[in-house]
Structures are given as C-alpha cells and as structure tokens.
Amino acid sequence: MSQNVFLVSQDAEISILLAHVLTAHGYVMTPLSITGEHSELSWTGADAILLDSHNTLDAALALCRTIKTTQTSKDIPIIALIRACNEHHFLEFKQAGVSECLVRPVSPEVIIACLRRVLDADTPKLTVSRKNDVLAIGDIKLHRSSRALLSAGSVFYLSPTEYRILTHLMANAGRVSSRSELISAAWPSGIHVEGRTVDVHVGRLRRLLEQASGEKMIRTIRSAGFIFDV
C-alpha cells in the first residue's frame, strides 16, 4: 500500500521537483500551502509531512507547533527543509516537534532516505527477540528490530535518530562519546547537524532512561561529550 506524503510548500519549483521524485519512488503526494487555512482534517490520511520553510519561516514553525499539539496529527512525522541561511533556526524546528531537518539545497536521494527512516519508525511493534537482537545493560534493554527501549515493564519507542544515538552510547558504555561521534553514528553523511541538536536528542533520551530506571544513566562530560554509565 502506497504511503501518502503531504508536501507543504510555497515554492512552485521545488514542489514540482519533489512531486516528481516522490511519485517516482512510489509515494502518493498531496500538495498543501503553508499559509492556507488548515484544520484537523487537513492532515487526515498523511503518513508523513514534508515541509519546505522557504521564505515562510515563521509560518512554517507555527504550522509545526499546531500539527504537533493537535491530537489527530501529533504522531505524524515531519521533515523540514530549511534554507542554508536559516540554519540557526534548526533547534527551533526540533523543539517544535520536527523529526528531521534537511538543509537546502539537498539531493532527492537524501530526502527519500530521510522519508524512509521516519516512516519506518512510525508505530513500531515489538517482535520476539533473538539473542543478538537485544542490547542490554543492567535492566535497560534496547531491541534492535523494534527500536524499543524496555525497563521494569515500561516500553518507549524511539525515533531512528534517538535509537542510533542510544545504540552508540550503550555499545560504548563507560567511555565518553563526543558530539561529532554521535553525529557520525546517528545522521547520514552530508547533512549539517549542530551540536545543540545532539544535546536535544540526548536530553530526551536521558529523561526516558531516568523515567524507565529511576537513575541518571547518561552524563554530560563538559567540553568532551556524553557517557553512558555502567
């Protein structure tokens, strides 16, 4: 069954290009305007939202916040395309609930790879664990096939980026992992990622782990990076 990607943009040129790319890769594309009137029903049927901020940065951020605070659309993954001159707003988009941010210009291959990652992470299901399917430290278990974090009966499903960061930290438990190492481990090459973005993801993982285990398992090592305590 084809997945429906809602393309939100005011840029006719990029819309035509992305419509062609999405259709060529088997996605159903639904075009919407950033500045148009939107209701809860606007996002019905969307499997993912591809949002091109272009020259409508404030409107794009406001739309992200609306989508992520609306019950019927809050779980839809959003990929934001940000112009290079607006990279300093990267963190604002992450805080608004965006799953991934890509800096324009960006190749169609990177966009499709990013779409596949966020769609593959949508509503994951636990499967029967194989011996080599679980990365475990103490009571913390990370299921590779489902990207599920388990501890003391609690289950938390991680985004692809969070999963890759935690996998790296757990696999290197007891050793400091720098931000550049985490960027290499969690993001595709060619995508600009700021250190502050890593901090946001690690902060969420730290809160999840503390909620699951009651302990602070990820420590920040000033000027060096992060360490998963054994």
Protein backbone atom coordinates (compact mmCIF):
# COMPACT_ATOMS: atom_id res chain seq x y z
CA MET A 1 0.00 0.00 0.00
CA SER A 2 1.43 3.39 -1.05
CA GLN A 3 2.27 5.85 1.69
CA ASN A 4 0.87 9.37 1.49
CA VAL A 5 3.32 12.25 1.88
CA PHE A 6 1.81 15.71 2.34
CA LEU A 7 4.05 18.26 0.65
CA VAL A 8 3.67 21.72 2.21
CA SER A 9 5.41 24.49 0.28
CA GLN A 10 5.04 27.92 -1.28
CA ASP A 11 7.86 27.28 -3.77
CA ALA A 12 6.35 26.08 -7.06
CA GLU A 13 9.70 24.96 -8.47
CA ILE A 14 10.63 22.74 -5.51
CA SER A 15 7.06 21.44 -5.33
CA ILE A 16 7.16 20.23 -8.93
CA LEU A 17 10.56 18.60 -8.40
CA LEU A 18 9.58 16.88 -5.15
CA ALA A 19 6.24 15.74 -6.60
CA HIS A 20 8.14 14.01 -9.41
CA VAL A 21 10.69 12.46 -7.01
CA LEU A 22 8.05 11.22 -4.55
CA THR A 23 5.87 9.72 -7.29
CA ALA A 24 8.88 8.03 -8.89
CA HIS A 25 9.62 6.30 -5.56
CA GLY A 26 6.06 5.04 -5.13
CA TYR A 27 4.69 7.63 -2.71
CA VAL A 28 1.33 9.35 -3.07
CA MET A 29 1.87 13.12 -2.93
CA THR A 30 -0.73 15.56 -1.59
CA PRO A 31 0.16 19.27 -2.00
CA LEU A 32 -0.79 21.86 0.62
CA SER A 33 0.05 25.52 1.18
CA ILE A 34 1.86 26.72 4.29
CA THR A 35 -0.20 29.88 4.54
CA GLY A 36 -3.56 28.27 3.67
CA GLU A 37 -6.37 27.55 6.11
CA HIS A 38 -5.76 24.29 7.97
CA SER A 39 -7.99 22.27 10.25
CA GLU A 40 -7.56 18.93 12.00
CA LEU A 41 -8.99 17.29 8.87
CA SER A 42 -6.24 18.85 6.74
CA TRP A 43 -3.83 16.10 7.81
CA THR A 44 -6.21 13.14 7.51
CA GLY A 45 -4.50 10.33 5.61
CA ALA A 46 -0.96 11.72 5.94
CA ASP A 47 1.77 9.19 6.70
CA ALA A 48 4.43 11.91 6.73
CA ILE A 49 4.65 15.66 6.13
CA LEU A 50 7.42 17.21 4.04
CA LEU A 51 7.52 20.89 4.98
CA ASP A 52 9.51 23.39 2.91
CA SER A 53 10.01 26.53 5.00
CA HIS A 54 11.42 28.55 2.04
CA ASN A 55 10.62 32.24 2.72
CA THR A 56 7.84 31.48 5.21
CA LEU A 57 9.94 30.57 8.23
CA ASP A 58 7.61 31.89 10.93
CA ALA A 59 4.55 30.36 9.28
CA ALA A 60 6.36 27.02 8.93
CA LEU A 61 7.33 26.97 12.62
CA ALA A 62 3.79 27.91 13.67
CA LEU A 63 2.37 25.15 11.47
CA CYS A 64 4.74 22.57 13.01
CA ARG A 65 3.64 23.54 16.51
CA THR A 66 -0.03 23.33 15.51
CA ILE A 67 0.38 19.89 13.97
CA LYS A 68 2.28 18.57 16.98
CA THR A 69 -0.21 19.93 19.54
CA THR A 70 -3.29 18.62 17.74
CA GLN A 71 -4.45 15.21 18.94
CA THR A 72 -5.25 13.82 15.50
CA SER A 73 -1.95 14.84 13.88
CA LYS A 74 0.64 14.89 16.69
CA ASP A 75 2.10 11.49 15.74
CA ILE A 76 2.64 12.31 12.06
CA PRO A 77 6.40 12.65 11.38
CA ILE A 78 7.52 15.96 9.88
CA ILE A 79 10.61 16.53 7.76
CA ALA A 80 11.51 20.22 7.43
CA LEU A 81 13.51 21.67 4.56
CA ILE A 82 15.42 24.73 5.77
CA ARG A 83 17.37 27.21 3.67
CA ALA A 84 21.09 27.40 4.44
CA CYS A 85 20.72 30.99 5.66
CA ASN A 86 18.20 29.81 8.28
CA GLU A 87 20.34 27.06 9.83
CA HIS A 88 20.37 28.95 13.15
CA HIS A 89 16.65 28.11 13.44
CA PHE A 90 17.40 24.37 13.30
CA LEU A 91 16.88 23.88 17.02
CA GLU A 92 13.55 25.75 16.96
CA PHE A 93 12.20 23.28 14.40
CA LYS A 94 13.35 20.33 16.53
CA GLN A 95 11.71 21.83 19.60
CA ALA A 96 8.53 22.33 17.56
CA GLY A 97 8.37 18.56 17.05
CA VAL A 98 10.05 18.08 13.67
CA SER A 99 11.50 14.58 13.21
CA GLU A 100 14.31 15.55 10.83
CA CYS A 101 15.68 18.79 9.36
CA LEU A 102 17.40 18.96 5.98
CA VAL A 103 19.28 21.99 4.72
CA ARG A 104 18.51 23.17 1.18
CA PRO A 105 19.88 22.54 -1.36
CA VAL A 106 19.54 18.81 -0.70
CA SER A 107 19.62 15.92 -3.12
CA PRO A 108 16.44 13.90 -3.81
CA GLU A 109 18.25 10.76 -2.64
CA VAL A 110 18.79 12.26 0.83
CA ILE A 111 15.13 13.31 1.06
CA ILE A 112 13.91 9.82 0.12
CA ALA A 113 16.34 8.18 2.56
CA CYS A 114 15.12 10.50 5.31
CA LEU A 115 11.47 9.72 4.47
CA ARG A 116 12.14 6.01 4.67
CA ARG A 117 13.74 6.41 8.09
CA VAL A 118 10.89 8.35 9.65
CA LEU A 119 8.19 6.20 8.06
CA ASP A 120 9.95 3.01 9.10
CA ALA A 121 9.95 4.29 12.69
CA ASP A 122 6.22 5.03 12.69
CA THR A 123 4.28 2.88 15.19
CA PRO A 124 6.88 0.14 15.54
CA LYS A 125 5.84 -3.20 17.01
CA LEU A 126 7.73 -5.44 19.36
CA THR A 127 8.80 -8.74 17.90
CA VAL A 128 10.11 -11.90 19.53
CA SER A 129 13.69 -11.11 20.46
CA ARG A 130 16.55 -13.15 19.14
CA LYS A 131 19.66 -13.49 21.24
CA ASN A 132 21.55 -10.95 19.15
CA ASP A 133 18.52 -8.66 18.81
CA VAL A 134 18.82 -7.10 22.26
CA LEU A 135 21.45 -4.72 23.55
CA ALA A 136 21.22 -4.88 27.34
CA ILE A 137 22.97 -3.11 30.20
CA GLY A 138 21.59 -3.97 33.63
CA ASP A 139 17.81 -3.62 33.50
CA ILE A 140 17.91 -1.50 30.34
CA LYS A 141 17.20 -3.39 27.12
CA LEU A 142 17.25 -1.93 23.62
CA HIS A 143 15.53 -4.03 20.95
CA ARG A 144 17.22 -3.56 17.60
CA SER A 145 14.35 -4.80 15.42
CA SER A 146 11.66 -2.61 17.00
CA ARG A 147 13.73 0.32 18.33
CA ALA A 148 12.02 -0.20 21.67
CA LEU A 149 13.61 0.71 25.00
CA LEU A 150 12.46 -1.58 27.81
CA SER A 151 12.99 -1.43 31.55
CA ALA A 152 10.93 -2.60 34.54
CA GLY A 153 7.84 -3.20 32.42
CA SER A 154 8.00 0.19 30.68
CA VAL A 155 8.29 0.42 26.89
CA PHE A 156 9.40 3.51 24.98
CA TYR A 157 9.60 3.59 21.19
CA LEU A 158 12.50 5.66 19.89
CA SER A 159 12.85 7.67 16.71
CA PRO A 160 15.52 6.41 14.28
CA THR A 161 17.91 9.15 15.37
CA GLU A 162 17.37 8.52 19.09
CA TYR A 163 17.79 4.79 18.53
CA ARG A 164 21.13 5.24 16.77
CA ILE A 165 22.41 7.65 19.43
CA LEU A 166 21.44 5.31 22.28
CA THR A 167 22.87 2.29 20.47
CA HIS A 168 26.19 4.07 20.15
CA LEU A 169 26.19 5.22 23.78
CA MET A 170 25.27 1.77 25.12
CA ALA A 171 27.74 -0.02 22.84
CA ASN A 172 30.44 2.32 24.18
CA ALA A 173 29.24 2.37 27.81
CA GLY A 174 31.82 3.68 30.24
CA ARG A 175 33.58 5.68 27.51
CA VAL A 176 33.00 9.32 26.56
CA SER A 177 31.37 9.76 23.15
CA SER A 178 31.90 13.17 21.57
CA ARG A 179 29.16 15.06 19.77
CA SER A 180 30.94 14.53 16.46
CA GLU A 181 30.97 10.77 17.09
CA LEU A 182 27.23 10.80 17.81
CA ILE A 183 26.58 12.85 14.67
CA SER A 184 28.52 10.32 12.59
CA ALA A 185 26.65 7.45 14.22
CA ALA A 186 23.14 8.88 14.02
CA TRP A 187 22.88 11.04 10.89
CA PRO A 188 23.68 10.34 7.22
CA SER A 189 26.79 11.94 5.82
CA GLY A 190 26.26 15.24 4.07
CA ILE A 191 23.61 16.51 6.48
CA HIS A 192 24.57 19.50 8.61
CA VAL A 193 23.93 18.86 12.30
CA GLU A 194 24.74 21.30 15.08
CA GLY A 195 25.98 20.23 18.49
CA ARG A 196 22.87 21.76 20.08
CA THR A 197 20.73 19.33 18.09
CA VAL A 198 22.64 16.41 19.57
CA ASP A 199 22.04 17.89 23.02
CA VAL A 200 18.27 17.98 22.42
CA HIS A 201 18.16 14.29 21.44
CA VAL A 202 20.44 13.21 24.28
CA GLY A 203 18.33 15.23 26.72
CA ARG A 204 15.20 13.35 25.67
CA LEU A 205 17.00 10.00 25.97
CA ARG A 206 18.28 10.98 29.41
CA ARG A 207 14.71 11.74 30.55
CA LEU A 208 13.36 8.48 29.12
CA LEU A 209 16.08 6.43 30.80
CA GLU A 210 15.51 8.18 34.12
CA GLN A 211 11.78 7.58 33.80
CA ALA A 212 12.38 3.92 32.97
CA SER A 213 15.06 3.11 35.55
CA GLY A 214 14.89 5.90 38.12
CA GLU A 215 18.57 6.62 37.51
CA LYS A 216 20.54 9.20 35.55
CA MET A 217 22.36 6.90 33.15
CA ILE A 218 23.71 9.44 30.65
CA ARG A 219 26.13 12.04 31.98
CA THR A 220 27.40 15.15 30.22
CA ILE A 221 31.17 15.50 30.32
CA ARG A 222 31.92 19.18 29.89
CA SER A 223 33.78 20.04 26.68
CA ALA A 224 34.03 16.35 25.82
CA GLY A 225 30.62 14.76 25.18
CA PHE A 226 28.45 12.18 26.89
CA ILE A 227 28.93 8.90 28.71
CA PHE A 228 26.55 6.03 29.43
CA ASP A 229 27.30 4.94 32.99
CA VAL A 230 27.68 1.23 33.53
